[in-house]
Amino acid sequence: SCAHILLPENERKALLKNMRNPRLEALQKKAYLKKVIGICKRVHICPHCGDYN
């Protein structure tokens, strides 16, 4: 309900750092995005506000 991404802060920062790397190719960025989506689908409680999603 708070509209945050459903990742813990440390994972979010690590994945965001990887996504912002200008040396990565489009397929690698797409793979990271797919990983993020897969992780977020498994999370049922928001790590920021604690609300059930």
C-alpha atoms as a PDB file:
ATOM      1  CA  SER A   1       0.000   0.000   0.000  1.00  0.00           C
ATOM      2  CA  CYS A   2       3.010   2.321   0.396  1.00  0.00           C
ATOM      3  CA  ALA A   3       4.109   1.803  -3.273  1.00  0.00           C
ATOM      4  CA  HIS A   4       7.711   0.934  -2.360  1.00  0.00           C
ATOM      5  CA  ILE A   5       9.465  -1.852  -4.219  1.00  0.00           C
ATOM      6  CA  LEU A   6       9.169  -5.104  -2.266  1.00  0.00           C
ATOM      7  CA  LEU A   7      12.893  -5.587  -1.662  1.00  0.00           C
ATOM      8  CA  PRO A   8      14.906  -5.150   1.519  1.00  0.00           C
ATOM      9  CA  GLU A   9      17.029  -2.005   1.427  1.00  0.00           C
ATOM     10  CA  ASN A  10      20.389  -3.795   1.096  1.00  0.00           C
ATOM     11  CA  GLU A  11      19.199  -5.931  -1.858  1.00  0.00           C
ATOM     12  CA  ARG A  12      17.593  -2.917  -3.517  1.00  0.00           C
ATOM     13  CA  LYS A  13      20.803  -0.893  -3.334  1.00  0.00           C
ATOM     14  CA  ALA A  14      22.933  -3.742  -4.703  1.00  0.00           C
ATOM     15  CA  LEU A  15      20.607  -4.431  -7.629  1.00  0.00           C
ATOM     16  CA  LEU A  16      20.202  -0.731  -8.388  1.00  0.00           C
ATOM     17  CA  LYS A  17      23.982  -0.330  -8.449  1.00  0.00           C
ATOM     18  CA  ASN A  18      24.201  -3.175 -10.964  1.00  0.00           C
ATOM     19  CA  MET A  19      21.422  -1.754 -13.131  1.00  0.00           C
ATOM     20  CA  ARG A  20      23.080   1.676 -13.295  1.00  0.00           C
ATOM     21  CA  ASN A  21      26.379   0.246 -14.526  1.00  0.00           C
ATOM     22  CA  PRO A  22      26.923   1.803 -17.978  1.00  0.00           C
ATOM     23  CA  ARG A  23      29.123  -1.108 -19.072  1.00  0.00           C
ATOM     24  CA  LEU A  24      26.312  -3.653 -18.865  1.00  0.00           C
ATOM     25  CA  GLU A  25      24.648  -4.741 -22.034  1.00  0.00           C
ATOM     26  CA  ALA A  26      20.896  -4.669 -22.529  1.00  0.00           C
ATOM     27  CA  LEU A  27      20.538  -8.433 -22.063  1.00  0.00           C
ATOM     28  CA  GLN A  28      22.371  -8.311 -18.736  1.00  0.00           C
ATOM     29  CA  LYS A  29      20.153  -5.478 -17.512  1.00  0.00           C
ATOM     30  CA  LYS A  30      17.105  -7.434 -18.628  1.00  0.00           C
ATOM     31  CA  ALA A  31      18.351 -10.429 -16.617  1.00  0.00           C
ATOM     32  CA  TYR A  32      18.751  -8.248 -13.498  1.00  0.00           C
ATOM     33  CA  LEU A  33      15.243  -6.888 -13.988  1.00  0.00           C
ATOM     34  CA  LYS A  34      13.890 -10.418 -14.309  1.00  0.00           C
ATOM     35  CA  LYS A  35      15.677 -11.325 -11.063  1.00  0.00           C
ATOM     36  CA  VAL A  36      14.119  -8.338  -9.267  1.00  0.00           C
ATOM     37  CA  ILE A  37      10.643  -9.264 -10.486  1.00  0.00           C
ATOM     38  CA  GLY A  38      11.143 -12.862  -9.342  1.00  0.00           C
ATOM     39  CA  ILE A  39      12.249 -11.766  -5.875  1.00  0.00           C
ATOM     40  CA  CYS A  40       9.373  -9.286  -5.532  1.00  0.00           C
ATOM     41  CA  LYS A  41       6.780 -11.894  -6.476  1.00  0.00           C
ATOM     42  CA  ARG A  42       7.827 -14.027  -3.496  1.00  0.00           C
ATOM     43  CA  VAL A  43       7.575 -11.196  -0.943  1.00  0.00           C
ATOM     44  CA  HIS A  44       4.180 -10.890   0.728  1.00  0.00           C
ATOM     45  CA  ILE A  45       4.919  -8.347   3.458  1.00  0.00           C
ATOM     46  CA  CYS A  46       6.334  -4.939   2.631  1.00  0.00           C
ATOM     47  CA  PRO A  47       9.760  -4.465   4.269  1.00  0.00           C
ATOM     48  CA  HIS A  48       9.165  -0.692   4.524  1.00  0.00           C
ATOM     49  CA  CYS A  49       5.723  -0.349   6.092  1.00  0.00           C
ATOM     50  CA  GLY A  50       5.050  -3.941   7.224  1.00  0.00           C
ATOM     51  CA  ASP A  51       1.705  -4.113   5.433  1.00  0.00           C
ATOM     52  CA  TYR A  52       0.500  -7.318   3.755  1.00  0.00           C
ATOM     53  CA  ASN A  53       0.667  -7.130  -0.022  1.00  0.00           C
END
